[in-house]
């Protein structure tokens, strides 16, 4: 496949993954009145058969299972599972409690939070544009604190849990699908015990439609991840980063247009500050990528 063909295919995969994530609130709202904790258990429980079939199809199921014989990887992945599960729970609670707008803010903050993680945990050097972007993000949070009299806990919970999850996964040489297999398998005993304790967490209690959405939780979890992994292998990071913004943008549109959540001037100001910060970081990333490409071209 040509470079142009790979880029086109990678872009389509990236768009598909981020749109599925961005429209997730429309999926999970169909499971009401099931409790968010029950949804988390269903998501972990039904992901196992789906991701196992994917690994079997890829011929990687045995290798993924052998990862559990390596104590260091198991320890690190258990931390990743805690962060992943926390992220899922906060998001599920937010979209079922009219807080989807704040959830989208959390994911908009993620690229800027990753800059902070790189600076503090991985001792990466921060450039001026990244510092400006983080400053805008901090200002956005400060505006909400000043106006609402408290922290935007949903947004901060989502960005912190997912940001730490990414940092943990960066430290362990495990593929995305294999990692999801390990994480959900670690969650599965707790999920199964919870579902048994909760009389299967709403399954069979709220009609066929709700049951189908609960049973489809595993597919909805695994499919966008596979698409995202495929995109990450075909696209440069700068292009993948731009495609990422489709997810929280779709989340915001769903929250305001589909769910009718309020979006006042203060929220608009907070989002505007985050978007300016993202624009500064993104433009700088493009300039740096082009400079690297020119240097490589001169070396050929």
C-alpha atoms as a PDB file:
ATOM      1  CA  UNK A   1       0.000   0.000   0.000  1.00  0.00           C
ATOM      2  CA  UNK A   2       1.254   3.510  -0.849  1.00  0.00           C
ATOM      3  CA  UNK A   3       1.909   6.129   1.834  1.00  0.00           C
ATOM      4  CA  UNK A   4      -1.184   8.025   0.647  1.00  0.00           C
ATOM      5  CA  UNK A   5      -3.261   4.856   0.847  1.00  0.00           C
ATOM      6  CA  UNK A   6      -2.007   4.113   4.358  1.00  0.00           C
ATOM      7  CA  UNK A   7      -2.752   7.673   5.470  1.00  0.00           C
ATOM      8  CA  UNK A   8      -6.293   7.493   4.052  1.00  0.00           C
ATOM      9  CA  UNK A   9      -6.946   4.123   5.687  1.00  0.00           C
ATOM     10  CA  UNK A  10      -5.445   5.286   8.990  1.00  0.00           C
ATOM     11  CA  UNK A  11      -7.544   8.452   8.940  1.00  0.00           C
ATOM     12  CA  UNK A  12     -10.727   6.427   8.409  1.00  0.00           C
ATOM     13  CA  UNK A  13      -9.811   4.112  11.306  1.00  0.00           C
ATOM     14  CA  UNK A  14      -9.023   7.093  13.523  1.00  0.00           C
ATOM     15  CA  UNK A  15     -12.270   8.871  12.647  1.00  0.00           C
ATOM     16  CA  UNK A  16     -14.266   5.688  13.308  1.00  0.00           C
ATOM     17  CA  UNK A  17     -12.634   5.112  16.711  1.00  0.00           C
ATOM     18  CA  UNK A  18     -13.061   8.673  17.918  1.00  0.00           C
ATOM     19  CA  UNK A  19     -16.621   9.007  16.663  1.00  0.00           C
ATOM     20  CA  UNK A  20     -17.568   5.787  18.475  1.00  0.00           C
ATOM     21  CA  UNK A  21     -16.008   7.188  21.649  1.00  0.00           C
ATOM     22  CA  UNK A  22     -17.573  10.588  21.025  1.00  0.00           C
ATOM     23  CA  UNK A  23     -21.056   9.142  20.578  1.00  0.00           C
ATOM     24  CA  UNK A  24     -20.688   6.757  23.524  1.00  0.00           C
ATOM     25  CA  UNK A  25     -23.102   8.770  25.659  1.00  0.00           C
ATOM     26  CA  UNK A  26     -25.883   7.957  23.184  1.00  0.00           C
ATOM     27  CA  UNK A  27     -25.113   4.260  23.662  1.00  0.00           C
ATOM     28  CA  UNK A  28     -24.901   4.204  27.444  1.00  0.00           C
ATOM     29  CA  UNK A  29     -27.973   6.385  27.987  1.00  0.00           C
ATOM     30  CA  UNK A  30     -30.008   3.570  26.426  1.00  0.00           C
ATOM     31  CA  UNK A  31     -29.149   1.376  29.423  1.00  0.00           C
ATOM     32  CA  UNK A  32     -31.053   3.551  31.889  1.00  0.00           C
ATOM     33  CA  UNK A  33     -32.141   2.979  34.612  1.00  0.00           C
ATOM     34  CA  UNK A  34     -29.173   0.626  35.192  1.00  0.00           C
ATOM     35  CA  UNK A  35     -26.723   1.971  37.793  1.00  0.00           C
ATOM     36  CA  UNK A  36     -23.324   3.207  36.557  1.00  0.00           C
ATOM     37  CA  UNK A  37     -21.553   0.673  38.797  1.00  0.00           C
ATOM     38  CA  UNK A  38     -23.537  -2.124  37.165  1.00  0.00           C
ATOM     39  CA  UNK A  39     -22.635  -0.740  33.727  1.00  0.00           C
ATOM     40  CA  UNK A  40     -18.953  -0.851  34.656  1.00  0.00           C
ATOM     41  CA  UNK A  41     -19.295  -4.503  35.670  1.00  0.00           C
ATOM     42  CA  UNK A  42     -21.111  -5.361  32.433  1.00  0.00           C
ATOM     43  CA  UNK A  43     -18.478  -3.545  30.388  1.00  0.00           C
ATOM     44  CA  UNK A  44     -15.629  -5.489  31.998  1.00  0.00           C
ATOM     45  CA  UNK A  45     -17.466  -8.831  31.997  1.00  0.00           C
ATOM     46  CA  UNK A  46     -18.646  -8.805  28.371  1.00  0.00           C
ATOM     47  CA  UNK A  47     -15.364  -7.413  27.023  1.00  0.00           C
ATOM     48  CA  UNK A  48     -13.554 -10.640  27.876  1.00  0.00           C
ATOM     49  CA  UNK A  49     -15.226 -12.921  25.294  1.00  0.00           C
ATOM     50  CA  UNK A  50     -14.944 -10.216  22.611  1.00  0.00           C
ATOM     51  CA  UNK A  51     -11.274  -9.406  23.136  1.00  0.00           C
ATOM     52  CA  UNK A  52     -10.481 -13.136  23.517  1.00  0.00           C
ATOM     53  CA  UNK A  53     -12.021 -13.842  20.106  1.00  0.00           C
ATOM     54  CA  UNK A  54     -10.047 -10.961  18.579  1.00  0.00           C
ATOM     55  CA  UNK A  55      -6.781 -12.279  20.033  1.00  0.00           C
ATOM     56  CA  UNK A  56      -7.659 -15.805  18.873  1.00  0.00           C
ATOM     57  CA  UNK A  57      -8.276 -14.480  15.361  1.00  0.00           C
ATOM     58  CA  UNK A  58      -4.943 -12.620  15.440  1.00  0.00           C
ATOM     59  CA  UNK A  59      -3.157 -15.709  16.785  1.00  0.00           C
ATOM     60  CA  UNK A  60      -2.089 -13.825  19.941  1.00  0.00           C
ATOM     61  CA  UNK A  61      -4.296 -15.363  22.626  1.00  0.00           C
ATOM     62  CA  UNK A  62      -1.615 -17.734  23.947  1.00  0.00           C
ATOM     63  CA  UNK A  63       1.020 -14.964  24.060  1.00  0.00           C
ATOM     64  CA  UNK A  64      -1.413 -12.658  25.862  1.00  0.00           C
ATOM     65  CA  UNK A  65      -2.174 -15.383  28.427  1.00  0.00           C
ATOM     66  CA  UNK A  66       1.542 -15.963  29.050  1.00  0.00           C
ATOM     67  CA  UNK A  67       1.902 -12.318  30.121  1.00  0.00           C
ATOM     68  CA  UNK A  68       0.292 -13.337  33.421  1.00  0.00           C
ATOM     69  CA  UNK A  69       3.418 -15.401  34.212  1.00  0.00           C
ATOM     70  CA  UNK A  70       5.498 -12.195  34.392  1.00  0.00           C
ATOM     71  CA  UNK A  71       4.986 -10.637  37.859  1.00  0.00           C
ATOM     72  CA  UNK A  72       6.318  -7.171  36.969  1.00  0.00           C
ATOM     73  CA  UNK A  73       3.953  -6.824  34.007  1.00  0.00           C
ATOM     74  CA  UNK A  74       1.038  -8.128  36.079  1.00  0.00           C
ATOM     75  CA  UNK A  75       1.770  -5.556  38.809  1.00  0.00           C
ATOM     76  CA  UNK A  76       1.954  -2.665  36.354  1.00  0.00           C
ATOM     77  CA  UNK A  77      -1.111  -3.790  34.422  1.00  0.00           C
ATOM     78  CA  UNK A  78      -3.095  -4.098  37.648  1.00  0.00           C
ATOM     79  CA  UNK A  79      -2.484  -0.382  38.216  1.00  0.00           C
ATOM     80  CA  UNK A  80      -3.560   0.263  34.634  1.00  0.00           C
ATOM     81  CA  UNK A  81      -6.741  -1.726  35.282  1.00  0.00           C
ATOM     82  CA  UNK A  82      -7.551   0.442  38.322  1.00  0.00           C
ATOM     83  CA  UNK A  83      -7.084   3.635  36.272  1.00  0.00           C
ATOM     84  CA  UNK A  84      -9.050   2.253  33.326  1.00  0.00           C
ATOM     85  CA  UNK A  85     -11.901   1.048  35.527  1.00  0.00           C
ATOM     86  CA  UNK A  86     -12.018   4.397  37.342  1.00  0.00           C
ATOM     87  CA  UNK A  87     -12.168   6.225  34.008  1.00  0.00           C
ATOM     88  CA  UNK A  88     -14.996   4.013  32.748  1.00  0.00           C
ATOM     89  CA  UNK A  89     -16.967   4.463  35.984  1.00  0.00           C
ATOM     90  CA  UNK A  90     -16.646   8.266  36.044  1.00  0.00           C
ATOM     91  CA  UNK A  91     -17.681   8.536  32.394  1.00  0.00           C
ATOM     92  CA  UNK A  92     -20.635   6.190  32.801  1.00  0.00           C
ATOM     93  CA  UNK A  93     -21.787   8.102  35.871  1.00  0.00           C
ATOM     94  CA  UNK A  94     -21.417  11.441  34.065  1.00  0.00           C
ATOM     95  CA  UNK A  95     -23.429  10.516  30.968  1.00  0.00           C
ATOM     96  CA  UNK A  96     -26.230   9.009  33.058  1.00  0.00           C
ATOM     97  CA  UNK A  97     -26.377  11.995  35.460  1.00  0.00           C
ATOM     98  CA  UNK A  98     -26.539  14.925  32.995  1.00  0.00           C
ATOM     99  CA  UNK A  99     -22.813  15.716  33.262  1.00  0.00           C
ATOM    100  CA  UNK A 100     -21.765  14.776  29.713  1.00  0.00           C
ATOM    101  CA  UNK A 101     -20.668  18.361  28.967  1.00  0.00           C
ATOM    102  CA  UNK A 102     -18.176  18.273  31.820  1.00  0.00           C
ATOM    103  CA  UNK A 103     -17.001  14.837  30.664  1.00  0.00           C
ATOM    104  CA  UNK A 104     -16.178  16.248  27.228  1.00  0.00           C
ATOM    105  CA  UNK A 105     -14.130  19.006  28.896  1.00  0.00           C
ATOM    106  CA  UNK A 106     -12.078  16.304  30.629  1.00  0.00           C
ATOM    107  CA  UNK A 107     -11.116  14.704  27.332  1.00  0.00           C
ATOM    108  CA  UNK A 108     -10.325  18.086  25.764  1.00  0.00           C
ATOM    109  CA  UNK A 109      -7.902  18.617  28.655  1.00  0.00           C
ATOM    110  CA  UNK A 110      -6.191  15.252  28.048  1.00  0.00           C
ATOM    111  CA  UNK A 111      -3.502  16.330  25.516  1.00  0.00           C
ATOM    112  CA  UNK A 112      -2.482  19.178  27.838  1.00  0.00           C
ATOM    113  CA  UNK A 113      -2.512  16.897  30.881  1.00  0.00           C
ATOM    114  CA  UNK A 114      -0.214  14.531  28.970  1.00  0.00           C
ATOM    115  CA  UNK A 115       2.288  17.379  28.683  1.00  0.00           C
ATOM    116  CA  UNK A 116       2.294  17.670  32.479  1.00  0.00           C
ATOM    117  CA  UNK A 117       2.684  13.891  32.860  1.00  0.00           C
ATOM    118  CA  UNK A 118       5.611  13.873  30.430  1.00  0.00           C
ATOM    119  CA  UNK A 119       7.257  16.722  32.310  1.00  0.00           C
ATOM    120  CA  UNK A 120       6.806  15.281  35.810  1.00  0.00           C
ATOM    121  CA  UNK A 121       6.952  11.508  35.388  1.00  0.00           C
ATOM    122  CA  UNK A 122       9.158  11.067  32.329  1.00  0.00           C
ATOM    123  CA  UNK A 123      11.380  14.143  32.771  1.00  0.00           C
ATOM    124  CA  UNK A 124      10.598  15.309  29.257  1.00  0.00           C
ATOM    125  CA  UNK A 125      11.531  18.844  28.274  1.00  0.00           C
ATOM    126  CA  UNK A 126       8.627  21.244  27.917  1.00  0.00           C
ATOM    127  CA  UNK A 127       8.678  23.798  25.096  1.00  0.00           C
ATOM    128  CA  UNK A 128       7.180  27.272  25.262  1.00  0.00           C
ATOM    129  CA  UNK A 129       4.037  26.342  23.292  1.00  0.00           C
ATOM    130  CA  UNK A 130       3.303  23.455  25.639  1.00  0.00           C
ATOM    131  CA  UNK A 131       3.772  25.692  28.678  1.00  0.00           C
ATOM    132  CA  UNK A 132       1.340  28.217  27.168  1.00  0.00           C
ATOM    133  CA  UNK A 133      -1.175  25.441  26.460  1.00  0.00           C
ATOM    134  CA  UNK A 134      -1.013  24.155  30.037  1.00  0.00           C
ATOM    135  CA  UNK A 135      -1.393  27.719  31.354  1.00  0.00           C
ATOM    136  CA  UNK A 136      -4.609  28.153  29.350  1.00  0.00           C
ATOM    137  CA  UNK A 137      -5.912  24.829  30.705  1.00  0.00           C
ATOM    138  CA  UNK A 138      -5.158  25.827  34.296  1.00  0.00           C
ATOM    139  CA  UNK A 139      -6.886  29.165  33.701  1.00  0.00           C
ATOM    140  CA  UNK A 140      -9.954  27.345  32.339  1.00  0.00           C
ATOM    141  CA  UNK A 141     -10.186  25.247  35.510  1.00  0.00           C
ATOM    142  CA  UNK A 142      -9.646  28.359  37.670  1.00  0.00           C
ATOM    143  CA  UNK A 143     -12.518  30.143  35.883  1.00  0.00           C
ATOM    144  CA  UNK A 144     -14.884  27.278  36.704  1.00  0.00           C
ATOM    145  CA  UNK A 145     -13.702  27.136  40.318  1.00  0.00           C
ATOM    146  CA  UNK A 146     -14.251  30.886  40.724  1.00  0.00           C
ATOM    147  CA  UNK A 147     -17.723  30.796  39.159  1.00  0.00           C
ATOM    148  CA  UNK A 148     -19.144  27.515  40.433  1.00  0.00           C
ATOM    149  CA  UNK A 149     -17.312  27.542  43.763  1.00  0.00           C
ATOM    150  CA  UNK A 150     -15.735  24.117  43.323  1.00  0.00           C
ATOM    151  CA  UNK A 151     -13.561  21.938  41.142  1.00  0.00           C
ATOM    152  CA  UNK A 152     -14.979  20.391  37.933  1.00  0.00           C
ATOM    153  CA  UNK A 153     -14.530  16.966  39.499  1.00  0.00           C
ATOM    154  CA  UNK A 154     -15.887  14.917  36.587  1.00  0.00           C
ATOM    155  CA  UNK A 155     -13.530  16.569  34.087  1.00  0.00           C
ATOM    156  CA  UNK A 156     -10.536  16.329  36.407  1.00  0.00           C
ATOM    157  CA  UNK A 157     -11.354  12.740  37.359  1.00  0.00           C
ATOM    158  CA  UNK A 158     -11.574  11.671  33.723  1.00  0.00           C
ATOM    159  CA  UNK A 159      -8.419  13.438  32.578  1.00  0.00           C
ATOM    160  CA  UNK A 160      -6.408  12.249  35.598  1.00  0.00           C
ATOM    161  CA  UNK A 161      -7.487   8.607  35.385  1.00  0.00           C
ATOM    162  CA  UNK A 162      -6.974   8.387  31.618  1.00  0.00           C
ATOM    163  CA  UNK A 163      -3.755  10.394  31.677  1.00  0.00           C
ATOM    164  CA  UNK A 164      -2.243   8.170  34.366  1.00  0.00           C
ATOM    165  CA  UNK A 165      -3.500   5.116  32.474  1.00  0.00           C
ATOM    166  CA  UNK A 166      -1.606   6.274  29.386  1.00  0.00           C
ATOM    167  CA  UNK A 167       1.539   6.905  31.420  1.00  0.00           C
ATOM    168  CA  UNK A 168       1.365   3.449  33.011  1.00  0.00           C
ATOM    169  CA  UNK A 169       0.780   1.741  29.663  1.00  0.00           C
ATOM    170  CA  UNK A 170       3.762   3.624  28.224  1.00  0.00           C
ATOM    171  CA  UNK A 171       5.968   1.982  30.841  1.00  0.00           C
ATOM    172  CA  UNK A 172       5.077  -1.608  29.912  1.00  0.00           C
ATOM    173  CA  UNK A 173       5.766  -3.352  26.565  1.00  0.00           C
ATOM    174  CA  UNK A 174       2.268  -4.771  26.038  1.00  0.00           C
ATOM    175  CA  UNK A 175       0.185  -4.290  22.896  1.00  0.00           C
ATOM    176  CA  UNK A 176      -3.143  -2.448  23.102  1.00  0.00           C
ATOM    177  CA  UNK A 177      -5.365  -5.492  22.544  1.00  0.00           C
ATOM    178  CA  UNK A 178      -3.257  -7.705  24.821  1.00  0.00           C
ATOM    179  CA  UNK A 179      -3.358  -4.945  27.433  1.00  0.00           C
ATOM    180  CA  UNK A 180      -7.137  -4.703  27.263  1.00  0.00           C
ATOM    181  CA  UNK A 181      -7.286  -8.493  27.675  1.00  0.00           C
ATOM    182  CA  UNK A 182      -5.158  -8.324  30.828  1.00  0.00           C
ATOM    183  CA  UNK A 183      -7.053  -5.361  32.285  1.00  0.00           C
ATOM    184  CA  UNK A 184     -10.513  -6.778  31.744  1.00  0.00           C
ATOM    185  CA  UNK A 185      -9.465 -10.259  32.887  1.00  0.00           C
ATOM    186  CA  UNK A 186      -8.221  -8.677  36.123  1.00  0.00           C
ATOM    187  CA  UNK A 187     -11.527  -6.845  36.498  1.00  0.00           C
ATOM    188  CA  UNK A 188     -13.628  -9.878  35.590  1.00  0.00           C
ATOM    189  CA  UNK A 189     -13.704 -11.647  39.012  1.00  0.00           C
ATOM    190  CA  UNK A 190     -14.824  -8.409  40.674  1.00  0.00           C
ATOM    191  CA  UNK A 191     -17.301  -7.721  37.864  1.00  0.00           C
ATOM    192  CA  UNK A 192     -18.747 -11.235  38.080  1.00  0.00           C
ATOM    193  CA  UNK A 193     -19.026 -11.065  41.885  1.00  0.00           C
ATOM    194  CA  UNK A 194     -20.700  -7.647  41.643  1.00  0.00           C
ATOM    195  CA  UNK A 195     -23.190  -8.821  39.008  1.00  0.00           C
ATOM    196  CA  UNK A 196     -24.062 -11.904  41.048  1.00  0.00           C
ATOM    197  CA  UNK A 197     -24.514  -9.783  44.156  1.00  0.00           C
ATOM    198  CA  UNK A 198     -26.682  -7.321  42.201  1.00  0.00           C
ATOM    199  CA  UNK A 199     -28.863 -10.003  40.547  1.00  0.00           C
ATOM    200  CA  UNK A 200     -27.000  -9.512  37.236  1.00  0.00           C
ATOM    201  CA  UNK A 201     -27.024  -5.735  37.435  1.00  0.00           C
ATOM    202  CA  UNK A 202     -30.264  -5.016  35.640  1.00  0.00           C
ATOM    203  CA  UNK A 203     -30.002  -7.755  33.021  1.00  0.00           C
ATOM    204  CA  UNK A 204     -33.436  -9.217  32.375  1.00  0.00           C
ATOM    205  CA  UNK A 205     -35.149  -6.543  34.475  1.00  0.00           C
ATOM    206  CA  UNK A 206     -35.739  -3.558  32.172  1.00  0.00           C
ATOM    207  CA  UNK A 207     -36.806  -5.024  28.854  1.00  0.00           C
ATOM    208  CA  UNK A 208     -35.153  -6.466  25.754  1.00  0.00           C
ATOM    209  CA  UNK A 209     -33.696  -3.161  24.536  1.00  0.00           C
ATOM    210  CA  UNK A 210     -31.732  -2.561  27.733  1.00  0.00           C
ATOM    211  CA  UNK A 211     -30.575  -6.197  27.759  1.00  0.00           C
ATOM    212  CA  UNK A 212     -29.202  -5.912  24.213  1.00  0.00           C
ATOM    213  CA  UNK A 213     -27.282  -2.741  25.068  1.00  0.00           C
ATOM    214  CA  UNK A 214     -25.830  -4.387  28.186  1.00  0.00           C
ATOM    215  CA  UNK A 215     -24.784  -7.500  26.251  1.00  0.00           C
ATOM    216  CA  UNK A 216     -23.235  -5.301  23.563  1.00  0.00           C
ATOM    217  CA  UNK A 217     -21.059  -3.448  26.086  1.00  0.00           C
ATOM    218  CA  UNK A 218     -18.036  -5.617  25.276  1.00  0.00           C
ATOM    219  CA  UNK A 219     -18.274  -5.004  21.528  1.00  0.00           C
ATOM    220  CA  UNK A 220     -18.695  -1.256  22.082  1.00  0.00           C
ATOM    221  CA  UNK A 221     -15.578  -1.257  24.258  1.00  0.00           C
ATOM    222  CA  UNK A 222     -13.290  -3.371  22.066  1.00  0.00           C
ATOM    223  CA  UNK A 223     -14.147  -2.204  18.512  1.00  0.00           C
ATOM    224  CA  UNK A 224     -13.023   1.455  18.838  1.00  0.00           C
ATOM    225  CA  UNK A 225      -9.807   0.373  20.546  1.00  0.00           C
ATOM    226  CA  UNK A 226      -8.923  -1.949  17.656  1.00  0.00           C
ATOM    227  CA  UNK A 227      -9.691   0.841  15.170  1.00  0.00           C
ATOM    228  CA  UNK A 228      -7.550   3.278  17.175  1.00  0.00           C
ATOM    229  CA  UNK A 229      -4.617   0.851  17.309  1.00  0.00           C
ATOM    230  CA  UNK A 230      -4.838   0.386  13.534  1.00  0.00           C
ATOM    231  CA  UNK A 231      -4.897   4.164  13.049  1.00  0.00           C
ATOM    232  CA  UNK A 232      -1.879   4.670  15.327  1.00  0.00           C
ATOM    233  CA  UNK A 233       0.143   2.284  13.168  1.00  0.00           C
ATOM    234  CA  UNK A 234      -0.761   4.029   9.908  1.00  0.00           C
ATOM    235  CA  UNK A 235      -0.756   7.715  10.879  1.00  0.00           C
ATOM    236  CA  UNK A 236       1.937  10.046  12.267  1.00  0.00           C
ATOM    237  CA  UNK A 237       1.281  11.230  15.827  1.00  0.00           C
ATOM    238  CA  UNK A 238       0.463  14.794  14.727  1.00  0.00           C
ATOM    239  CA  UNK A 239      -2.324  13.604  12.422  1.00  0.00           C
ATOM    240  CA  UNK A 240      -3.568  11.139  15.027  1.00  0.00           C
ATOM    241  CA  UNK A 241      -3.660  13.956  17.578  1.00  0.00           C
ATOM    242  CA  UNK A 242      -5.919  16.073  15.362  1.00  0.00           C
ATOM    243  CA  UNK A 243      -8.291  13.158  14.763  1.00  0.00           C
ATOM    244  CA  UNK A 244      -8.467  12.675  18.557  1.00  0.00           C
ATOM    245  CA  UNK A 245     -10.312  15.985  18.964  1.00  0.00           C
ATOM    246  CA  UNK A 246     -13.310  14.526  17.108  1.00  0.00           C
ATOM    247  CA  UNK A 247     -14.125  12.455  20.208  1.00  0.00           C
ATOM    248  CA  UNK A 248     -14.617  15.212  22.813  1.00  0.00           C
ATOM    249  CA  UNK A 249     -16.172  17.487  20.154  1.00  0.00           C
ATOM    250  CA  UNK A 250     -18.811  14.834  19.441  1.00  0.00           C
ATOM    251  CA  UNK A 251     -19.288  14.366  23.203  1.00  0.00           C
ATOM    252  CA  UNK A 252     -19.942  18.084  23.633  1.00  0.00           C
ATOM    253  CA  UNK A 253     -22.422  18.170  20.736  1.00  0.00           C
ATOM    254  CA  UNK A 254     -24.266  15.125  22.096  1.00  0.00           C
ATOM    255  CA  UNK A 255     -24.435  16.677  25.571  1.00  0.00           C
ATOM    256  CA  UNK A 256     -25.789  20.029  24.396  1.00  0.00           C
ATOM    257  CA  UNK A 257     -27.876  19.082  21.338  1.00  0.00           C
ATOM    258  CA  UNK A 258     -29.114  15.546  22.105  1.00  0.00           C
ATOM    259  CA  UNK A 259     -29.345  15.721  25.905  1.00  0.00           C
ATOM    260  CA  UNK A 260     -30.146  19.432  26.173  1.00  0.00           C
ATOM    261  CA  UNK A 261     -27.546  20.079  28.873  1.00  0.00           C
ATOM    262  CA  UNK A 262     -26.957  23.794  29.567  1.00  0.00           C
ATOM    263  CA  UNK A 263     -23.916  25.487  28.056  1.00  0.00           C
ATOM    264  CA  UNK A 264     -23.594  28.963  29.548  1.00  0.00           C
ATOM    265  CA  UNK A 265     -21.088  31.746  28.990  1.00  0.00           C
ATOM    266  CA  UNK A 266     -18.749  30.572  31.761  1.00  0.00           C
ATOM    267  CA  UNK A 267     -18.577  27.067  30.303  1.00  0.00           C
ATOM    268  CA  UNK A 268     -18.029  28.638  26.887  1.00  0.00           C
ATOM    269  CA  UNK A 269     -15.153  30.665  28.309  1.00  0.00           C
ATOM    270  CA  UNK A 270     -13.597  27.576  29.918  1.00  0.00           C
ATOM    271  CA  UNK A 271     -13.868  25.538  26.722  1.00  0.00           C
ATOM    272  CA  UNK A 272     -12.565  28.490  24.698  1.00  0.00           C
ATOM    273  CA  UNK A 273      -9.452  28.746  26.874  1.00  0.00           C
ATOM    274  CA  UNK A 274      -8.804  25.006  26.498  1.00  0.00           C
ATOM    275  CA  UNK A 275      -9.284  25.193  22.722  1.00  0.00           C
ATOM    276  CA  UNK A 276      -6.811  28.089  22.466  1.00  0.00           C
ATOM    277  CA  UNK A 277      -4.275  26.083  24.451  1.00  0.00           C
ATOM    278  CA  UNK A 278      -4.833  23.054  22.218  1.00  0.00           C
ATOM    279  CA  UNK A 279      -4.447  25.207  19.094  1.00  0.00           C
ATOM    280  CA  UNK A 280      -1.112  26.583  20.323  1.00  0.00           C
ATOM    281  CA  UNK A 281       0.233  23.096  21.093  1.00  0.00           C
ATOM    282  CA  UNK A 282      -1.107  21.601  17.831  1.00  0.00           C
ATOM    283  CA  UNK A 283       0.319  24.326  15.567  1.00  0.00           C
ATOM    284  CA  UNK A 284       3.673  24.035  17.323  1.00  0.00           C
ATOM    285  CA  UNK A 285       3.575  20.254  16.842  1.00  0.00           C
ATOM    286  CA  UNK A 286       2.994  20.683  13.106  1.00  0.00           C
ATOM    287  CA  UNK A 287       5.908  23.111  12.802  1.00  0.00           C
ATOM    288  CA  UNK A 288       8.200  20.728  14.653  1.00  0.00           C
ATOM    289  CA  UNK A 289       7.087  17.754  12.554  1.00  0.00           C
ATOM    290  CA  UNK A 290       7.746  19.675   9.329  1.00  0.00           C
ATOM    291  CA  UNK A 291      11.183  20.696  10.590  1.00  0.00           C
ATOM    292  CA  UNK A 292      12.022  17.051  11.315  1.00  0.00           C
ATOM    293  CA  UNK A 293      10.788  16.033   7.832  1.00  0.00           C
ATOM    294  CA  UNK A 294      12.962  18.682   6.198  1.00  0.00           C
ATOM    295  CA  UNK A 295      16.020  17.534   8.153  1.00  0.00           C
ATOM    296  CA  UNK A 296      15.384  13.926   7.111  1.00  0.00           C
ATOM    297  CA  UNK A 297      14.965  14.982   3.484  1.00  0.00           C
ATOM    298  CA  UNK A 298      18.277  16.840   3.581  1.00  0.00           C
ATOM    299  CA  UNK A 299      20.012  13.778   5.001  1.00  0.00           C
ATOM    300  CA  UNK A 300      18.841  11.530   2.154  1.00  0.00           C
END
